Amino acid sequence: MYDGAKTITLRGVVTEFRWTNPHVAFTIMTDRAKGQEGDLWVLESTSPGNLARVGWTRTSVKTNDRVEILVAPLRDGGHGGRCLMLTFLDRKEKLEC
């Protein structure tokens, strides 16, 4: 499903965060390129239990957080992927996905 040999970095604003099994998922609206609209991306991570073991909580990510995310993109080229590392731009905090 994901291209593990490739990574991309996205910057944008969190529009939704779901702390649910089997995978935590969230959407971001990417920053606009000059003269273009941003894109909505759907990203997922591992389970809430696995994320809790590396320091996440259900309130770690909030709507409107500005983030930079390292992503393994979908193989089909769609706007989705697996979160690898999340950085909060306003507070310089990093969380492993």
PDB file of N, CA and C in Angstrom:
ATOM      1  N   MET A   1       0.814  -1.186   0.000  1.00  0.00           N
ATOM      2  CA  MET A   1       0.000   0.000   0.000  1.00  0.00           C
ATOM      3  C   MET A   1       0.866   1.261   0.000  1.00  0.00           C
ATOM      4  N   TYR A   2       1.934   1.287   0.820  1.00  0.00           N
ATOM      5  CA  TYR A   2       2.826   2.438   0.915  1.00  0.00           C
ATOM      6  C   TYR A   2       4.154   2.116   0.251  1.00  0.00           C
ATOM      7  N   ASP A   3       4.784   3.143  -0.294  1.00  0.00           N
ATOM      8  CA  ASP A   3       6.088   2.986  -0.931  1.00  0.00           C
ATOM      9  C   ASP A   3       7.159   3.215   0.123  1.00  0.00           C
ATOM     10  N   GLY A   4       7.637   2.136   0.725  1.00  0.00           N
ATOM     11  CA  GLY A   4       8.632   2.216   1.791  1.00  0.00           C
ATOM     12  C   GLY A   4      10.000   2.670   1.326  1.00  0.00           C
ATOM     13  N   ALA A   5      10.241   2.673   0.014  1.00  0.00           N
ATOM     14  CA  ALA A   5      11.523   3.104  -0.530  1.00  0.00           C
ATOM     15  C   ALA A   5      11.566   4.611  -0.776  1.00  0.00           C
ATOM     16  N   LYS A   6      10.430   5.281  -0.604  1.00  0.00           N
ATOM     17  CA  LYS A   6      10.344   6.703  -0.905  1.00  0.00           C
ATOM     18  C   LYS A   6       9.762   7.444   0.292  1.00  0.00           C
ATOM     19  N   THR A   7      10.266   8.639   0.548  1.00  0.00           N
ATOM     20  CA  THR A   7       9.661   9.496   1.565  1.00  0.00           C
ATOM     21  C   THR A   7       9.454  10.889   0.985  1.00  0.00           C
ATOM     22  N   ILE A   8       8.434  11.560   1.495  1.00  0.00           N
ATOM     23  CA  ILE A   8       8.192  12.953   1.147  1.00  0.00           C
ATOM     24  C   ILE A   8       7.917  13.718   2.436  1.00  0.00           C
ATOM     25  N   THR A   9       8.105  15.015   2.394  1.00  0.00           N
ATOM     26  CA  THR A   9       7.829  15.864   3.544  1.00  0.00           C
ATOM     27  C   THR A   9       6.680  16.794   3.202  1.00  0.00           C
ATOM     28  N   LEU A  10       5.681  16.815   4.057  1.00  0.00           N
ATOM     29  CA  LEU A  10       4.513  17.673   3.886  1.00  0.00           C
ATOM     30  C   LEU A  10       4.479  18.703   5.008  1.00  0.00           C
ATOM     31  N   ARG A  11       4.057  19.916   4.680  1.00  0.00           N
ATOM     32  CA  ARG A  11       3.825  20.964   5.682  1.00  0.00           C
ATOM     33  C   ARG A  11       2.388  21.419   5.547  1.00  0.00           C
ATOM     34  N   GLY A  12       1.733  21.603   6.673  1.00  0.00           N
ATOM     35  CA  GLY A  12       0.361  22.066   6.604  1.00  0.00           C
ATOM     36  C   GLY A  12      -0.296  22.145   7.960  1.00  0.00           C
ATOM     37  N   VAL A  13      -1.629  22.140   7.941  1.00  0.00           N
ATOM     38  CA  VAL A  13      -2.446  22.289   9.141  1.00  0.00           C
ATOM     39  C   VAL A  13      -3.308  21.044   9.314  1.00  0.00           C
ATOM     40  N   VAL A  14      -3.337  20.525  10.526  1.00  0.00           N
ATOM     41  CA  VAL A  14      -4.177  19.361  10.837  1.00  0.00           C
ATOM     42  C   VAL A  14      -5.637  19.776  10.761  1.00  0.00           C
ATOM     43  N   THR A  15      -6.424  19.016   9.986  1.00  0.00           N
ATOM     44  CA  THR A  15      -7.861  19.308   9.887  1.00  0.00           C
ATOM     45  C   THR A  15      -8.711  18.306  10.655  1.00  0.00           C
ATOM     46  N   GLU A  16      -8.151  17.118  10.925  1.00  0.00           N
ATOM     47  CA  GLU A  16      -8.876  16.098  11.699  1.00  0.00           C
ATOM     48  C   GLU A  16      -7.866  15.125  12.292  1.00  0.00           C
ATOM     49  N   PHE A  17      -8.154  14.635  13.504  1.00  0.00           N
ATOM     50  CA  PHE A  17      -7.301  13.652  14.179  1.00  0.00           C
ATOM     51  C   PHE A  17      -8.199  12.592  14.799  1.00  0.00           C
ATOM     52  N   ARG A  18      -7.951  11.312  14.464  1.00  0.00           N
ATOM     53  CA  ARG A  18      -8.763  10.208  14.991  1.00  0.00           C
ATOM     54  C   ARG A  18      -7.862   9.223  15.745  1.00  0.00           C
ATOM     55  N   TRP A  19      -8.061   9.120  17.041  1.00  0.00           N
ATOM     56  CA  TRP A  19      -7.318   8.217  17.921  1.00  0.00           C
ATOM     57  C   TRP A  19      -8.152   6.948  18.060  1.00  0.00           C
ATOM     58  N   THR A  20      -8.114   6.076  17.054  1.00  0.00           N
ATOM     59  CA  THR A  20      -8.949   4.883  17.038  1.00  0.00           C
ATOM     60  C   THR A  20      -8.148   3.676  16.571  1.00  0.00           C
ATOM     61  N   ASN A  21      -8.615   2.491  16.958  1.00  0.00           N
ATOM     62  CA  ASN A  21      -8.043   1.251  16.447  1.00  0.00           C
ATOM     63  C   ASN A  21      -8.658   0.955  15.091  1.00  0.00           C
ATOM     64  N   PRO A  22      -7.999   0.308  14.185  1.00  0.00           N
ATOM     65  CA  PRO A  22      -6.678  -0.282  14.363  1.00  0.00           C
ATOM     66  C   PRO A  22      -5.530   0.680  14.102  1.00  0.00           C
ATOM     67  N   HIS A  23      -5.786   1.856  13.486  1.00  0.00           N
ATOM     68  CA  HIS A  23      -4.720   2.808  13.193  1.00  0.00           C
ATOM     69  C   HIS A  23      -5.176   4.226  13.512  1.00  0.00           C
ATOM     70  N   VAL A  24      -4.290   4.980  14.123  1.00  0.00           N
ATOM     71  CA  VAL A  24      -4.530   6.399  14.306  1.00  0.00           C
ATOM     72  C   VAL A  24      -4.455   7.045  12.927  1.00  0.00           C
ATOM     73  N   ALA A  25      -5.384   7.946  12.641  1.00  0.00           N
ATOM     74  CA  ALA A  25      -5.417   8.595  11.328  1.00  0.00           C
ATOM     75  C   ALA A  25      -5.660  10.088  11.499  1.00  0.00           C
ATOM     76  N   PHE A  26      -5.157  10.856  10.559  1.00  0.00           N
ATOM     77  CA  PHE A  26      -5.415  12.278  10.567  1.00  0.00           C
ATOM     78  C   PHE A  26      -5.338  12.830   9.157  1.00  0.00           C
ATOM     79  N   THR A  27      -5.921  13.999   8.977  1.00  0.00           N
ATOM     80  CA  THR A  27      -5.867  14.665   7.685  1.00  0.00           C
ATOM     81  C   THR A  27      -5.177  16.008   7.874  1.00  0.00           C
ATOM     82  N   ILE A  28      -4.460  16.418   6.834  1.00  0.00           N
ATOM     83  CA  ILE A  28      -3.852  17.743   6.853  1.00  0.00           C
ATOM     84  C   ILE A  28      -4.140  18.434   5.526  1.00  0.00           C
ATOM     85  N   MET A  29      -4.248  19.741   5.596  1.00  0.00           N
ATOM     86  CA  MET A  29      -4.327  20.574   4.401  1.00  0.00           C
ATOM     87  C   MET A  29      -2.932  21.150   4.223  1.00  0.00           C
ATOM     88  N   THR A  30      -2.288  20.768   3.113  1.00  0.00           N
ATOM     89  CA  THR A  30      -0.918  21.217   2.888  1.00  0.00           C
ATOM     90  C   THR A  30      -0.890  22.706   2.585  1.00  0.00           C
ATOM     91  N   ASP A  31       0.271  23.301   2.825  1.00  0.00           N
ATOM     92  CA  ASP A  31       0.463  24.711   2.502  1.00  0.00           C
ATOM     93  C   ASP A  31       0.320  24.904   0.999  1.00  0.00           C
ATOM     94  N   ARG A  32      -0.123  26.054   0.630  1.00  0.00           N
ATOM     95  CA  ARG A  32      -0.320  26.375  -0.779  1.00  0.00           C
ATOM     96  C   ARG A  32       1.009  26.671  -1.458  1.00  0.00           C
ATOM     97  N   ALA A  33       1.162  26.147  -2.665  1.00  0.00           N
ATOM     98  CA  ALA A  33       2.271  26.562  -3.507  1.00  0.00           C
ATOM     99  C   ALA A  33       1.854  27.879  -4.143  1.00  0.00           C
ATOM    100  N   LYS A  34       2.819  28.631  -4.613  1.00  0.00           N
ATOM    101  CA  LYS A  34       2.493  29.932  -5.215  1.00  0.00           C
ATOM    102  C   LYS A  34       1.418  29.800  -6.269  1.00  0.00           C
ATOM    103  N   GLY A  35       0.320  30.502  -6.055  1.00  0.00           N
ATOM    104  CA  GLY A  35      -0.752  30.517  -7.032  1.00  0.00           C
ATOM    105  C   GLY A  35      -1.615  29.269  -7.080  1.00  0.00           C
ATOM    106  N   GLN A  36      -1.418  28.337  -6.145  1.00  0.00           N
ATOM    107  CA  GLN A  36      -2.193  27.104  -6.149  1.00  0.00           C
ATOM    108  C   GLN A  36      -2.829  26.875  -4.788  1.00  0.00           C
ATOM    109  N   GLU A  37      -3.873  26.063  -4.778  1.00  0.00           N
ATOM    110  CA  GLU A  37      -4.525  25.668  -3.532  1.00  0.00           C
ATOM    111  C   GLU A  37      -3.717  24.566  -2.860  1.00  0.00           C
ATOM    112  N   GLY A  38      -3.859  24.435  -1.543  1.00  0.00           N
ATOM    113  CA  GLY A  38      -3.259  23.319  -0.836  1.00  0.00           C
ATOM    114  C   GLY A  38      -4.031  22.040  -1.141  1.00  0.00           C
ATOM    115  N   ASP A  39      -3.464  20.908  -0.750  1.00  0.00           N
ATOM    116  CA  ASP A  39      -4.099  19.607  -0.976  1.00  0.00           C
ATOM    117  C   ASP A  39      -4.437  18.955   0.353  1.00  0.00           C
ATOM    118  N   LEU A  40      -5.549  18.230   0.379  1.00  0.00           N
ATOM    119  CA  LEU A  40      -5.948  17.471   1.551  1.00  0.00           C
ATOM    120  C   LEU A  40      -5.291  16.101   1.488  1.00  0.00           C
ATOM    121  N   TRP A  41      -4.544  15.734   2.520  1.00  0.00           N
ATOM    122  CA  TRP A  41      -3.866  14.444   2.611  1.00  0.00           C
ATOM    123  C   TRP A  41      -4.435  13.666   3.791  1.00  0.00           C
ATOM    124  N   VAL A  42      -4.638  12.360   3.602  1.00  0.00           N
ATOM    125  CA  VAL A  42      -5.083  11.462   4.662  1.00  0.00           C
ATOM    126  C   VAL A  42      -3.894  10.588   5.036  1.00  0.00           C
ATOM    127  N   LEU A  43      -3.512  10.637   6.297  1.00  0.00           N
ATOM    128  CA  LEU A  43      -2.339   9.907   6.768  1.00  0.00           C
ATOM    129  C   LEU A  43      -2.728   8.986   7.908  1.00  0.00           C
ATOM    130  N   GLU A  44      -2.012   7.874   8.008  1.00  0.00           N
ATOM    131  CA  GLU A  44      -2.263   6.986   9.137  1.00  0.00           C
ATOM    132  C   GLU A  44      -0.954   6.589   9.774  1.00  0.00           C
ATOM    133  N   SER A  45      -1.084   6.074  10.974  1.00  0.00           N
ATOM    134  CA  SER A  45       0.058   5.625  11.741  1.00  0.00           C
ATOM    135  C   SER A  45      -0.265   4.242  12.273  1.00  0.00           C
ATOM    136  N   THR A  46       0.377   3.876  13.336  1.00  0.00           N
ATOM    137  CA  THR A  46       0.146   2.575  13.951  1.00  0.00           C
ATOM    138  C   THR A  46      -1.023   2.695  14.947  1.00  0.00           C
ATOM    139  N   SER A  47      -1.197   1.712  15.778  1.00  0.00           N
ATOM    140  CA  SER A  47      -2.314   1.695  16.728  1.00  0.00           C
ATOM    141  C   SER A  47      -2.104   2.696  17.870  1.00  0.00           C
ATOM    142  N   PRO A  48      -3.179   3.088  18.542  1.00  0.00           N
ATOM    143  CA  PRO A  48      -3.036   3.968  19.705  1.00  0.00           C
ATOM    144  C   PRO A  48      -2.116   3.385  20.777  1.00  0.00           C
ATOM    145  N   GLY A  49      -2.188   2.082  21.001  1.00  0.00           N
ATOM    146  CA  GLY A  49      -1.325   1.452  22.006  1.00  0.00           C
ATOM    147  C   GLY A  49       0.147   1.589  21.671  1.00  0.00           C
ATOM    148  N   ASN A  50       0.506   1.350  20.410  1.00  0.00           N
ATOM    149  CA  ASN A  50       1.904   1.499  19.996  1.00  0.00           C
ATOM    150  C   ASN A  50       2.364   2.951  20.111  1.00  0.00           C
ATOM    151  N   LEU A  51       1.509   3.886  19.725  1.00  0.00           N
ATOM    152  CA  LEU A  51       1.883   5.295  19.824  1.00  0.00           C
ATOM    153  C   LEU A  51       2.020   5.737  21.277  1.00  0.00           C
ATOM    154  N   ALA A  52       1.163   5.223  22.159  1.00  0.00           N
ATOM    155  CA  ALA A  52       1.261   5.566  23.577  1.00  0.00           C
ATOM    156  C   ALA A  52       2.606   5.130  24.153  1.00  0.00           C
ATOM    157  N   ARG A  53       3.131   4.014  23.671  1.00  0.00           N
ATOM    158  CA  ARG A  53       4.429   3.531  24.156  1.00  0.00           C
ATOM    159  C   ARG A  53       5.592   4.433  23.752  1.00  0.00           C
ATOM    160  N   VAL A  54       5.414   5.252  22.712  1.00  0.00           N
ATOM    161  CA  VAL A  54       6.485   6.177  22.316  1.00  0.00           C
ATOM    162  C   VAL A  54       6.156   7.627  22.679  1.00  0.00           C
ATOM    163  N   GLY A  55       5.134   7.823  23.551  1.00  0.00           N
ATOM    164  CA  GLY A  55       4.892   9.141  24.110  1.00  0.00           C
ATOM    165  C   GLY A  55       3.661   9.893  23.628  1.00  0.00           C
ATOM    166  N   TRP A  56       2.893   9.334  22.702  1.00  0.00           N
ATOM    167  CA  TRP A  56       1.688  10.004  22.230  1.00  0.00           C
ATOM    168  C   TRP A  56       0.551   9.828  23.225  1.00  0.00           C
ATOM    169  N   THR A  57      -0.409  10.767  23.190  1.00  0.00           N
ATOM    170  CA  THR A  57      -1.683  10.625  23.896  1.00  0.00           C
ATOM    171  C   THR A  57      -2.787  11.009  22.909  1.00  0.00           C
ATOM    172  N   ARG A  58      -4.018  10.805  23.304  1.00  0.00           N
ATOM    173  CA  ARG A  58      -5.131  11.156  22.411  1.00  0.00           C
ATOM    174  C   ARG A  58      -5.220  12.657  22.171  1.00  0.00           C
ATOM    175  N   THR A  59      -4.500  13.458  22.975  1.00  0.00           N
ATOM    176  CA  THR A  59      -4.511  14.910  22.787  1.00  0.00           C
ATOM    177  C   THR A  59      -3.185  15.445  22.244  1.00  0.00           C
ATOM    178  N   SER A  60      -2.305  14.563  21.794  1.00  0.00           N
ATOM    179  CA  SER A  60      -1.012  15.012  21.263  1.00  0.00           C
ATOM    180  C   SER A  60      -1.165  15.888  20.026  1.00  0.00           C
ATOM    181  N   VAL A  61      -2.110  15.545  19.182  1.00  0.00           N
ATOM    182  CA  VAL A  61      -2.344  16.290  17.947  1.00  0.00           C
ATOM    183  C   VAL A  61      -3.730  16.910  18.023  1.00  0.00           C
ATOM    184  N   LYS A  62      -3.804  18.190  17.671  1.00  0.00           N
ATOM    185  CA  LYS A  62      -5.080  18.897  17.727  1.00  0.00           C
ATOM    186  C   LYS A  62      -5.377  19.534  16.370  1.00  0.00           C
ATOM    187  N   THR A  63      -6.652  19.703  16.086  1.00  0.00           N
ATOM    188  CA  THR A  63      -7.061  20.427  14.896  1.00  0.00           C
ATOM    189  C   THR A  63      -6.404  21.802  14.911  1.00  0.00           C
ATOM    190  N   ASN A  64      -5.926  22.233  13.763  1.00  0.00           N
ATOM    191  CA  ASN A  64      -5.256  23.523  13.541  1.00  0.00           C
ATOM    192  C   ASN A  64      -3.795  23.546  13.966  1.00  0.00           C
ATOM    193  N   ASP A  65      -3.232  22.428  14.452  1.00  0.00           N
ATOM    194  CA  ASP A  65      -1.790  22.376  14.693  1.00  0.00           C
ATOM    195  C   ASP A  65      -1.062  22.523  13.359  1.00  0.00           C
ATOM    196  N   ARG A  66      -0.021  23.354  13.322  1.00  0.00           N
ATOM    197  CA  ARG A  66       0.843  23.464  12.128  1.00  0.00           C
ATOM    198  C   ARG A  66       1.921  22.405  12.258  1.00  0.00           C
ATOM    199  N   VAL A  67       2.042  21.560  11.239  1.00  0.00           N
ATOM    200  CA  VAL A  67       2.940  20.414  11.318  1.00  0.00           C
ATOM    201  C   VAL A  67       3.771  20.250  10.049  1.00  0.00           C
ATOM    202  N   GLU A  68       4.866  19.549  10.231  1.00  0.00           N
ATOM    203  CA  GLU A  68       5.659  19.039   9.114  1.00  0.00           C
ATOM    204  C   GLU A  68       5.735  17.536   9.329  1.00  0.00           C
ATOM    205  N   ILE A  69       5.425  16.764   8.293  1.00  0.00           N
ATOM    206  CA  ILE A  69       5.332  15.318   8.458  1.00  0.00           C
ATOM    207  C   ILE A  69       6.165  14.618   7.401  1.00  0.00           C
ATOM    208  N   LEU A  70       7.010  13.691   7.857  1.00  0.00           N
ATOM    209  CA  LEU A  70       7.739  12.809   6.965  1.00  0.00           C
ATOM    210  C   LEU A  70       6.837  11.616   6.689  1.00  0.00           C
ATOM    211  N   VAL A  71       6.592  11.334   5.404  1.00  0.00           N
ATOM    212  CA  VAL A  71       5.564  10.379   4.994  1.00  0.00           C
ATOM    213  C   VAL A  71       6.127   9.359   4.000  1.00  0.00           C
ATOM    214  N   ALA A  72       5.730   8.098   4.159  1.00  0.00           N
ATOM    215  CA  ALA A  72       5.897   7.091   3.107  1.00  0.00           C
ATOM    216  C   ALA A  72       4.612   7.170   2.283  1.00  0.00           C
ATOM    217  N   PRO A  73       4.683   7.660   1.035  1.00  0.00           N
ATOM    218  CA  PRO A  73       3.457   7.922   0.269  1.00  0.00           C
ATOM    219  C   PRO A  73       2.787   6.650  -0.240  1.00  0.00           C
ATOM    220  N   LEU A  74       1.530   6.797  -0.637  1.00  0.00           N
ATOM    221  CA  LEU A  74       0.811   5.698  -1.278  1.00  0.00           C
ATOM    222  C   LEU A  74       1.497   5.331  -2.587  1.00  0.00           C
ATOM    223  N   ARG A  75       1.539   4.056  -2.890  1.00  0.00           N
ATOM    224  CA  ARG A  75       2.147   3.596  -4.145  1.00  0.00           C
ATOM    225  C   ARG A  75       1.394   4.074  -5.379  1.00  0.00           C
ATOM    226  N   ASP A  76       0.085   4.273  -5.242  1.00  0.00           N
ATOM    227  CA  ASP A  76      -0.707   4.680  -6.404  1.00  0.00           C
ATOM    228  C   ASP A  76      -0.630   6.183  -6.688  1.00  0.00           C
ATOM    229  N   GLY A  77       0.129   6.927  -5.879  1.00  0.00           N
ATOM    230  CA  GLY A  77       0.297   8.356  -6.113  1.00  0.00           C
ATOM    231  C   GLY A  77      -0.794   9.233  -5.525  1.00  0.00           C
ATOM    232  N   GLY A  78      -1.743   8.651  -4.823  1.00  0.00           N
ATOM    233  CA  GLY A  78      -2.808   9.423  -4.203  1.00  0.00           C
ATOM    234  C   GLY A  78      -2.300  10.270  -3.048  1.00  0.00           C
ATOM    235  N   HIS A  79      -3.152  11.146  -2.550  1.00  0.00           N
ATOM    236  CA  HIS A  79      -2.797  12.031  -1.443  1.00  0.00           C
ATOM    237  C   HIS A  79      -3.012  11.333  -0.111  1.00  0.00           C
ATOM    238  N   GLY A  80      -2.161  10.377   0.172  1.00  0.00           N
ATOM    239  CA  GLY A  80      -2.223   9.631   1.422  1.00  0.00           C
ATOM    240  C   GLY A  80      -0.892   8.987   1.691  1.00  0.00           C
ATOM    241  N   GLY A  81      -0.741   8.463   2.906  1.00  0.00           N
ATOM    242  CA  GLY A  81       0.504   7.792   3.236  1.00  0.00           C
ATOM    243  C   GLY A  81       0.562   7.396   4.695  1.00  0.00           C
ATOM    244  N   ARG A  82       1.719   6.856   5.044  1.00  0.00           N
ATOM    245  CA  ARG A  82       1.988   6.432   6.422  1.00  0.00           C
ATOM    246  C   ARG A  82       2.906   7.450   7.064  1.00  0.00           C
ATOM    247  N   CYS A  83       2.499   7.987   8.192  1.00  0.00           N
ATOM    248  CA  CYS A  83       3.297   8.957   8.938  1.00  0.00           C
ATOM    249  C   CYS A  83       4.530   8.260   9.522  1.00  0.00           C
ATOM    250  N   LEU A  84       5.697   8.866   9.325  1.00  0.00           N
ATOM    251  CA  LEU A  84       6.936   8.341   9.890  1.00  0.00           C
ATOM    252  C   LEU A  84       7.448   9.208  11.040  1.00  0.00           C
ATOM    253  N   MET A  85       7.362  10.540  10.870  1.00  0.00           N
ATOM    254  CA  MET A  85       7.801  11.479  11.899  1.00  0.00           C
ATOM    255  C   MET A  85       6.957  12.742  11.777  1.00  0.00           C
ATOM    256  N   LEU A  86       6.484  13.242  12.899  1.00  0.00           N
ATOM    257  CA  LEU A  86       5.651  14.436  12.922  1.00  0.00           C
ATOM    258  C   LEU A  86       6.353  15.510  13.738  1.00  0.00           C
ATOM    259  N   THR A  87       6.495  16.702  13.182  1.00  0.00           N
ATOM    260  CA  THR A  87       7.099  17.838  13.882  1.00  0.00           C
ATOM    261  C   THR A  87       6.063  18.946  13.988  1.00  0.00           C
ATOM    262  N   PHE A  88       5.866  19.442  15.197  1.00  0.00           N
ATOM    263  CA  PHE A  88       4.971  20.570  15.424  1.00  0.00           C
ATOM    264  C   PHE A  88       5.772  21.840  15.166  1.00  0.00           C
ATOM    265  N   LEU A  89       5.388  22.618  14.169  1.00  0.00           N
ATOM    266  CA  LEU A  89       6.166  23.784  13.764  1.00  0.00           C
ATOM    267  C   LEU A  89       6.126  24.904  14.789  1.00  0.00           C
ATOM    268  N   ASP A  90       5.022  25.061  15.510  1.00  0.00           N
ATOM    269  CA  ASP A  90       4.903  26.151  16.480  1.00  0.00           C
ATOM    270  C   ASP A  90       5.662  25.885  17.773  1.00  0.00           C
ATOM    271  N   ARG A  91       5.865  24.621  18.109  1.00  0.00           N
ATOM    272  CA  ARG A  91       6.542  24.319  19.379  1.00  0.00           C
ATOM    273  C   ARG A  91       7.782  23.451  19.219  1.00  0.00           C
ATOM    274  N   LYS A  92       8.189  23.175  17.999  1.00  0.00           N
ATOM    275  CA  LYS A  92       9.435  22.453  17.694  1.00  0.00           C
ATOM    276  C   LYS A  92       9.532  21.085  18.378  1.00  0.00           C
ATOM    277  N   GLU A  93       8.404  20.489  18.647  1.00  0.00           N
ATOM    278  CA  GLU A  93       8.367  19.142  19.243  1.00  0.00           C
ATOM    279  C   GLU A  93       8.249  18.109  18.130  1.00  0.00           C
ATOM    280  N   LYS A  94       8.950  16.984  18.280  1.00  0.00           N
ATOM    281  CA  LYS A  94       8.884  15.906  17.301  1.00  0.00           C
ATOM    282  C   LYS A  94       8.314  14.653  17.952  1.00  0.00           C
ATOM    283  N   LEU A  95       7.488  13.939  17.189  1.00  0.00           N
ATOM    284  CA  LEU A  95       6.948  12.659  17.642  1.00  0.00           C
ATOM    285  C   LEU A  95       7.172  11.616  16.540  1.00  0.00           C
ATOM    286  N   GLU A  96       7.694  10.479  16.926  1.00  0.00           N
ATOM    287  CA  GLU A  96       7.832   9.369  15.989  1.00  0.00           C
ATOM    288  C   GLU A  96       6.456   8.748  15.790  1.00  0.00           C
ATOM    289  N   CYS A  97       6.132   8.473  14.536  1.00  0.00           N
ATOM    290  CA  CYS A  97       4.823   7.875  14.234  1.00  0.00           C
ATOM    291  C   CYS A  97       4.917   6.380  14.306  1.00  0.00           C
TER     292      CYS A  97
END
